[in-house]
């Protein structure tokens, strides 16, 4: 998939986030990279057969005290792992949307367990 098309899917994923959360999403850059860096994988202690679709790097809103003069938080969506895991363009779109939501949830202070539980609730409500 061309990078422009993939970036468009990321933008669509962002637009699907409820406005009440987007209004509070400040000082956050959302970017697309082909793959995670070796440094990112080491920092997260990613195992060989684990696939990383996205990464939130920053200070969650729940831990911001005296938050000033800092670099923006960063959400990275990784194109190649998503494409390799998906069987179709529609599945790429779904994974991108879920990954954007997942990483934004980290920005709002949810840890991995809380995000996973919220994803399960969200999927059961969508049925």
N, C-alpha and C. Protein backbone atom coordinates (compact mmCIF):
# COMPACT_ATOMS: atom_id res chain seq x y z
N UNK A 1 0.85 -1.17 0.00
CA UNK A 1 0.00 0.00 0.00
C UNK A 1 0.90 1.24 0.00
N UNK A 2 0.53 2.21 -0.80
CA UNK A 2 1.28 3.46 -0.85
C UNK A 2 1.19 4.17 0.50
N UNK A 3 2.25 4.86 0.88
CA UNK A 3 2.31 5.54 2.18
C UNK A 3 1.19 6.56 2.32
N UNK A 4 0.85 7.26 1.24
CA UNK A 4 -0.21 8.27 1.30
C UNK A 4 -1.55 7.64 1.67
N UNK A 5 -1.84 6.49 1.08
CA UNK A 5 -3.08 5.78 1.37
C UNK A 5 -3.10 5.31 2.83
N UNK A 6 -1.96 4.79 3.31
CA UNK A 6 -1.86 4.34 4.69
C UNK A 6 -2.07 5.52 5.64
N UNK A 7 -1.43 6.64 5.36
CA UNK A 7 -1.59 7.83 6.20
C UNK A 7 -3.05 8.29 6.20
N UNK A 8 -3.72 8.14 5.08
CA UNK A 8 -5.15 8.48 5.01
C UNK A 8 -5.95 7.58 5.96
N UNK A 9 -5.61 6.30 6.02
CA UNK A 9 -6.29 5.38 6.95
C UNK A 9 -6.04 5.79 8.40
N UNK A 10 -4.83 6.23 8.70
CA UNK A 10 -4.52 6.71 10.05
C UNK A 10 -5.38 7.94 10.35
N UNK A 11 -5.47 8.86 9.41
CA UNK A 11 -6.30 10.06 9.62
C UNK A 11 -7.77 9.69 9.81
N UNK A 12 -8.25 8.70 9.08
CA UNK A 12 -9.63 8.23 9.27
C UNK A 12 -9.80 7.63 10.67
N UNK A 13 -8.79 6.89 11.13
CA UNK A 13 -8.82 6.33 12.48
C UNK A 13 -8.90 7.42 13.54
N UNK A 14 -8.17 8.49 13.32
CA UNK A 14 -8.20 9.63 14.25
C UNK A 14 -9.59 10.26 14.25
N UNK A 15 -10.17 10.44 13.08
CA UNK A 15 -11.49 11.07 12.97
C UNK A 15 -12.58 10.23 13.63
N UNK A 16 -12.35 8.91 13.77
CA UNK A 16 -13.33 8.04 14.40
C UNK A 16 -13.31 8.11 15.92
N UNK A 17 -12.30 8.78 16.49
CA UNK A 17 -12.24 8.96 17.94
C UNK A 17 -13.30 9.98 18.33
N UNK A 18 -14.08 9.73 19.37
CA UNK A 18 -15.11 10.70 19.78
C UNK A 18 -14.52 12.09 20.00
N UNK A 19 -15.25 13.09 19.56
CA UNK A 19 -14.78 14.48 19.62
C UNK A 19 -14.39 14.91 21.03
N UNK A 20 -15.11 14.41 22.04
CA UNK A 20 -14.79 14.82 23.42
C UNK A 20 -13.37 14.42 23.80
N UNK A 21 -12.82 13.37 23.18
CA UNK A 21 -11.43 12.97 23.42
C UNK A 21 -10.48 13.76 22.53
N UNK A 22 -10.87 13.96 21.27
CA UNK A 22 -10.01 14.72 20.37
C UNK A 22 -9.80 16.14 20.89
N UNK A 23 -10.82 16.70 21.52
CA UNK A 23 -10.70 18.06 22.07
C UNK A 23 -9.65 18.12 23.18
N UNK A 24 -9.38 17.00 23.82
CA UNK A 24 -8.41 16.95 24.92
C UNK A 24 -7.06 16.38 24.49
N UNK A 25 -6.94 16.08 23.23
CA UNK A 25 -5.71 15.51 22.68
C UNK A 25 -4.80 16.66 22.27
N UNK A 26 -3.93 17.08 23.19
CA UNK A 26 -3.06 18.20 22.87
C UNK A 26 -1.61 17.83 23.11
N UNK A 27 -0.74 18.49 22.36
CA UNK A 27 0.70 18.26 22.44
C UNK A 27 1.05 16.81 22.13
N UNK A 28 0.39 16.26 21.09
CA UNK A 28 0.63 14.88 20.66
C UNK A 28 0.80 14.86 19.14
N UNK A 29 1.90 14.30 18.70
CA UNK A 29 2.11 14.08 17.28
C UNK A 29 1.79 12.65 16.94
N UNK A 30 1.08 12.45 15.84
CA UNK A 30 0.77 11.09 15.38
C UNK A 30 1.44 10.92 14.03
N UNK A 31 2.35 9.94 13.96
CA UNK A 31 3.17 9.74 12.77
C UNK A 31 3.09 8.29 12.31
N UNK A 32 3.50 8.09 11.07
CA UNK A 32 3.59 6.74 10.49
C UNK A 32 5.05 6.45 10.22
N UNK A 33 5.50 5.29 10.62
CA UNK A 33 6.84 4.80 10.31
C UNK A 33 6.69 3.41 9.72
N UNK A 34 7.67 3.00 8.93
CA UNK A 34 7.61 1.67 8.33
C UNK A 34 7.67 0.58 9.40
N UNK A 35 8.63 0.67 10.31
CA UNK A 35 8.87 -0.36 11.32
C UNK A 35 9.33 0.29 12.62
N UNK A 36 9.15 -0.40 13.74
CA UNK A 36 9.74 0.10 14.98
C UNK A 36 11.26 0.00 14.90
N UNK A 37 11.94 0.89 15.60
CA UNK A 37 13.40 0.84 15.63
C UNK A 37 13.84 -0.24 16.61
N UNK A 38 15.07 -0.64 16.48
CA UNK A 38 15.64 -1.62 17.40
C UNK A 38 15.61 -1.07 18.82
N UNK A 39 15.87 0.22 18.97
CA UNK A 39 15.82 0.87 20.29
C UNK A 39 14.42 0.78 20.91
N UNK A 40 13.39 1.03 20.11
CA UNK A 40 12.01 0.94 20.61
C UNK A 40 11.68 -0.49 21.04
N UNK A 41 12.09 -1.46 20.24
CA UNK A 41 11.82 -2.86 20.58
C UNK A 41 12.54 -3.28 21.85
N UNK A 42 13.79 -2.83 22.00
CA UNK A 42 14.56 -3.17 23.20
C UNK A 42 13.94 -2.51 24.43
N UNK A 43 13.56 -1.24 24.30
CA UNK A 43 12.97 -0.51 25.42
C UNK A 43 11.71 -1.20 25.94
N UNK A 44 10.92 -1.74 25.01
CA UNK A 44 9.67 -2.42 25.38
C UNK A 44 9.86 -3.90 25.69
N UNK A 45 11.08 -4.39 25.48
CA UNK A 45 11.38 -5.81 25.69
C UNK A 45 10.47 -6.70 24.85
N UNK A 46 10.34 -6.31 23.58
CA UNK A 46 9.49 -7.04 22.64
C UNK A 46 10.14 -8.37 22.27
N UNK A 47 9.39 -9.44 22.40
CA UNK A 47 9.89 -10.76 22.04
C UNK A 47 9.89 -10.91 20.52
N UNK A 48 10.67 -11.88 20.04
CA UNK A 48 10.85 -12.07 18.59
C UNK A 48 9.55 -12.25 17.83
N UNK A 49 8.63 -13.05 18.32
CA UNK A 49 7.41 -13.33 17.56
C UNK A 49 6.25 -12.43 17.94
N UNK A 50 6.51 -11.31 18.58
CA UNK A 50 5.48 -10.34 18.91
C UNK A 50 5.50 -9.24 17.85
N UNK A 51 4.34 -8.80 17.43
CA UNK A 51 4.23 -7.77 16.40
C UNK A 51 3.76 -6.48 17.04
N UNK A 52 4.47 -5.41 16.78
CA UNK A 52 4.13 -4.10 17.33
C UNK A 52 3.49 -3.25 16.24
N UNK A 53 2.20 -2.91 16.43
CA UNK A 53 1.47 -2.10 15.46
C UNK A 53 1.59 -0.61 15.74
N UNK A 54 1.72 -0.25 17.01
CA UNK A 54 1.78 1.16 17.37
C UNK A 54 2.49 1.35 18.68
N UNK A 55 2.86 2.61 18.94
CA UNK A 55 3.60 2.91 20.16
C UNK A 55 3.27 4.33 20.62
N UNK A 56 2.96 4.45 21.90
CA UNK A 56 2.78 5.77 22.54
C UNK A 56 4.03 6.06 23.34
N UNK A 57 4.63 7.22 23.09
CA UNK A 57 5.79 7.66 23.85
C UNK A 57 5.49 9.06 24.39
N UNK A 58 5.50 9.17 25.69
CA UNK A 58 5.22 10.48 26.28
C UNK A 58 4.80 10.36 27.72
N UNK A 59 4.19 11.41 28.20
CA UNK A 59 3.70 11.47 29.58
C UNK A 59 2.18 11.43 29.53
N UNK A 60 1.55 10.35 30.01
CA UNK A 60 0.09 10.27 29.98
C UNK A 60 -0.55 11.44 30.73
N UNK A 61 -1.71 11.83 30.30
CA UNK A 61 -2.42 12.96 30.90
C UNK A 61 -2.60 12.79 32.42
N UNK A 62 -2.74 11.57 32.87
CA UNK A 62 -2.95 11.31 34.30
C UNK A 62 -1.69 11.51 35.14
N UNK A 63 -0.53 11.67 34.47
CA UNK A 63 0.73 11.83 35.20
C UNK A 63 1.38 13.18 34.93
N UNK A 64 0.62 14.12 34.44
CA UNK A 64 1.17 15.43 34.10
C UNK A 64 0.97 16.40 35.24
N UNK A 65 2.02 16.65 35.97
CA UNK A 65 2.01 17.65 37.03
C UNK A 65 3.11 18.64 36.72
N UNK A 66 2.79 19.90 36.64
CA UNK A 66 3.78 20.89 36.27
C UNK A 66 4.30 20.65 34.86
N UNK A 67 3.40 20.27 33.98
CA UNK A 67 3.72 19.88 32.61
C UNK A 67 3.89 21.13 31.75
N UNK A 68 5.14 21.49 31.46
CA UNK A 68 5.41 22.65 30.62
C UNK A 68 6.78 22.49 29.97
N UNK A 69 6.95 23.13 28.85
CA UNK A 69 8.24 23.14 28.16
C UNK A 69 8.78 21.74 27.90
N UNK A 70 7.91 20.86 27.42
CA UNK A 70 8.34 19.50 27.08
C UNK A 70 8.03 19.23 25.61
N UNK A 71 8.76 18.30 25.06
CA UNK A 71 8.48 17.89 23.69
C UNK A 71 7.10 17.27 23.61
N UNK A 72 6.47 17.32 22.44
CA UNK A 72 5.16 16.67 22.31
C UNK A 72 5.25 15.17 22.52
N UNK A 73 4.17 14.60 23.03
CA UNK A 73 4.06 13.15 23.07
C UNK A 73 4.02 12.67 21.62
N UNK A 74 4.30 11.40 21.44
CA UNK A 74 4.35 10.86 20.08
C UNK A 74 3.65 9.52 20.02
N UNK A 75 2.76 9.40 19.05
CA UNK A 75 2.12 8.12 18.74
C UNK A 75 2.62 7.73 17.36
N UNK A 76 3.19 6.53 17.29
CA UNK A 76 3.69 6.03 16.01
C UNK A 76 2.87 4.82 15.61
N UNK A 77 2.41 4.83 14.36
CA UNK A 77 1.70 3.69 13.78
C UNK A 77 2.67 3.05 12.79
N UNK A 78 2.89 1.74 12.94
CA UNK A 78 3.89 1.05 12.13
C UNK A 78 3.24 0.35 10.94
N UNK A 79 3.55 0.83 9.76
CA UNK A 79 2.94 0.39 8.52
C UNK A 79 3.23 -1.08 8.17
N UNK A 80 4.49 -1.45 8.13
CA UNK A 80 4.84 -2.80 7.66
C UNK A 80 4.27 -3.93 8.53
N UNK A 81 4.39 -3.85 9.86
CA UNK A 81 3.80 -4.94 10.65
C UNK A 81 2.28 -5.08 10.45
N UNK A 82 1.61 -3.95 10.29
CA UNK A 82 0.15 -4.00 10.07
C UNK A 82 -0.14 -4.66 8.73
N UNK A 83 0.57 -4.23 7.70
CA UNK A 83 0.33 -4.80 6.37
C UNK A 83 0.64 -6.30 6.32
N UNK A 84 1.72 -6.70 7.00
CA UNK A 84 2.10 -8.12 7.00
C UNK A 84 1.10 -8.98 7.76
N UNK A 85 0.42 -8.40 8.75
CA UNK A 85 -0.53 -9.17 9.57
C UNK A 85 -1.91 -9.24 8.94
N UNK A 86 -2.21 -8.33 8.06
CA UNK A 86 -3.56 -8.24 7.48
C UNK A 86 -3.67 -9.10 6.22
N UNK A 87 -4.88 -9.59 6.00
CA UNK A 87 -5.16 -10.40 4.82
C UNK A 87 -5.81 -9.60 3.69
N UNK A 88 -6.25 -8.38 4.00
CA UNK A 88 -6.94 -7.57 3.00
C UNK A 88 -6.80 -6.09 3.36
N UNK A 89 -7.15 -5.25 2.42
CA UNK A 89 -7.12 -3.82 2.67
C UNK A 89 -8.14 -3.44 3.75
N UNK A 90 -9.26 -4.12 3.78
CA UNK A 90 -10.27 -3.86 4.81
C UNK A 90 -9.74 -4.21 6.20
N UNK A 91 -8.97 -5.29 6.28
CA UNK A 91 -8.38 -5.66 7.56
C UNK A 91 -7.29 -4.66 7.98
N UNK A 92 -6.53 -4.15 7.02
CA UNK A 92 -5.55 -3.10 7.33
C UNK A 92 -6.27 -1.90 7.94
N UNK A 93 -7.36 -1.52 7.33
CA UNK A 93 -8.14 -0.38 7.83
C UNK A 93 -8.61 -0.62 9.27
N UNK A 94 -9.10 -1.82 9.55
CA UNK A 94 -9.58 -2.15 10.90
C UNK A 94 -8.43 -2.11 11.91
N UNK A 95 -7.30 -2.71 11.55
CA UNK A 95 -6.16 -2.74 12.47
C UNK A 95 -5.66 -1.33 12.74
N UNK A 96 -5.57 -0.51 11.71
CA UNK A 96 -5.12 0.87 11.89
C UNK A 96 -6.05 1.61 12.84
N UNK A 97 -7.35 1.50 12.61
CA UNK A 97 -8.33 2.17 13.46
C UNK A 97 -8.19 1.72 14.92
N UNK A 98 -8.08 0.42 15.13
CA UNK A 98 -7.94 -0.11 16.49
C UNK A 98 -6.62 0.32 17.13
N UNK A 99 -5.56 0.38 16.33
CA UNK A 99 -4.25 0.77 16.86
C UNK A 99 -4.24 2.24 17.25
N UNK A 100 -4.83 3.09 16.42
CA UNK A 100 -4.93 4.52 16.76
C UNK A 100 -5.68 4.67 18.08
N UNK A 101 -6.82 4.01 18.21
CA UNK A 101 -7.62 4.07 19.44
C UNK A 101 -6.79 3.59 20.63
N UNK A 102 -6.09 2.47 20.46
CA UNK A 102 -5.29 1.86 21.52
C UNK A 102 -4.22 2.83 22.03
N UNK A 103 -3.49 3.45 21.11
CA UNK A 103 -2.40 4.34 21.51
C UNK A 103 -2.93 5.64 22.12
N UNK A 104 -4.04 6.15 21.63
CA UNK A 104 -4.64 7.34 22.23
C UNK A 104 -5.12 7.02 23.64
N UNK A 105 -5.60 5.81 23.87
CA UNK A 105 -6.01 5.40 25.22
C UNK A 105 -4.82 5.46 26.18
N UNK A 106 -3.63 5.07 25.70
CA UNK A 106 -2.43 5.19 26.54
C UNK A 106 -2.16 6.66 26.87
N UNK A 107 -2.35 7.54 25.91
CA UNK A 107 -2.15 8.98 26.14
C UNK A 107 -3.05 9.47 27.28
N UNK A 108 -4.24 8.91 27.38
CA UNK A 108 -5.18 9.31 28.43
C UNK A 108 -4.95 8.56 29.74
N UNK A 109 -3.86 7.79 29.82
CA UNK A 109 -3.45 7.21 31.09
C UNK A 109 -3.80 5.75 31.30
N UNK A 110 -4.39 5.09 30.32
CA UNK A 110 -4.72 3.68 30.50
C UNK A 110 -3.47 2.83 30.31
N UNK A 111 -3.27 1.86 31.22
CA UNK A 111 -2.15 0.94 31.03
C UNK A 111 -2.57 -0.17 30.06
N UNK A 112 -1.64 -1.06 29.74
CA UNK A 112 -1.92 -2.09 28.73
C UNK A 112 -3.11 -2.97 29.12
N UNK A 113 -3.18 -3.37 30.38
CA UNK A 113 -4.29 -4.22 30.83
C UNK A 113 -5.63 -3.49 30.69
N UNK A 114 -5.67 -2.23 31.10
CA UNK A 114 -6.91 -1.45 31.01
C UNK A 114 -7.33 -1.25 29.56
N UNK A 115 -6.36 -1.00 28.68
CA UNK A 115 -6.68 -0.83 27.27
C UNK A 115 -7.26 -2.12 26.70
N UNK A 116 -6.63 -3.24 27.01
CA UNK A 116 -7.12 -4.54 26.51
C UNK A 116 -8.54 -4.83 27.00
N UNK A 117 -8.80 -4.55 28.27
CA UNK A 117 -10.15 -4.76 28.82
C UNK A 117 -11.16 -3.85 28.13
N UNK A 118 -10.79 -2.61 27.89
CA UNK A 118 -11.68 -1.66 27.21
C UNK A 118 -11.94 -2.11 25.78
N UNK A 119 -10.92 -2.67 25.12
CA UNK A 119 -11.10 -3.17 23.76
C UNK A 119 -12.10 -4.32 23.72
N UNK A 120 -12.03 -5.20 24.70
CA UNK A 120 -12.98 -6.32 24.78
C UNK A 120 -14.40 -5.78 24.97
N UNK A 121 -14.56 -4.82 25.89
CA UNK A 121 -15.89 -4.22 26.12
C UNK A 121 -16.39 -3.53 24.85
N UNK A 122 -15.52 -2.80 24.19
CA UNK A 122 -15.89 -2.08 22.96
C UNK A 122 -16.36 -3.04 21.88
N UNK A 123 -15.62 -4.14 21.71
CA UNK A 123 -15.99 -5.13 20.68
C UNK A 123 -17.33 -5.79 20.99
N UNK A 124 -17.59 -6.07 22.28
CA UNK A 124 -18.86 -6.70 22.63
C UNK A 124 -20.03 -5.71 22.47
N UNK A 125 -19.77 -4.41 22.67
CA UNK A 125 -20.80 -3.39 22.46
C UNK A 125 -21.07 -3.14 20.98
N UNK A 126 -20.05 -3.36 20.13
CA UNK A 126 -20.20 -3.14 18.70
C UNK A 126 -21.01 -4.23 18.01
N UNK A 127 -21.17 -5.36 18.69
CA UNK A 127 -21.91 -6.49 18.07
C UNK A 127 -23.38 -6.27 18.07
